[in-house]
Amino acid sequence: MSDISAILTELGLAEAWEQRNGSQWIAPKSLDIRRMASALLARGARFITITAMQLPEDGATRLDYHWDMDGELLTFTTKTAEKVLPSIYDLCPAADWIEREIHEYFAVEFQGREYEPLLVREGEPVGVLVPEEDA
């Protein structure tokens, strides 16, 4: 646990890890996603995936970044009301498909990357899981 606690210090996060569902979770007030990815990759962590969900109370999109570090599951949670976040695809190519999927389903723009259609047809609008009035 000391290694993963050092990550919080490196990222300047005051929040503490919370054990939930077999994973260490943290939901900081502010998260520099690229800095988080760089710090984890430098420590040999393995990117697993990103999960996303639209929050009914405010329409923001919550994203959970899941990592494995020596068998310890780490989850960093952030949310975006503006639906714009930096991409980690150039740092971690394994993030390619899931960023594209989240872009198409939730209309989240990952800055710093281009998109080839993954599930929607060329020219179709993105945000298929976003309610009509929000799209």
Foldseek 3Di string as FASTA:
>chain_A
DVVVVVLCVVQVFPDAWDDDPQATEDEGPDGQVQSSLVSCVVQVKAWDEKDWDQDPVQRKIKIWTWIADPNHIYIYIYIDPPLEEADCCVVPVVHVPRVLVCCQQQVRHHPPDDHDHDPDDPPDDGNVNRPPVVD
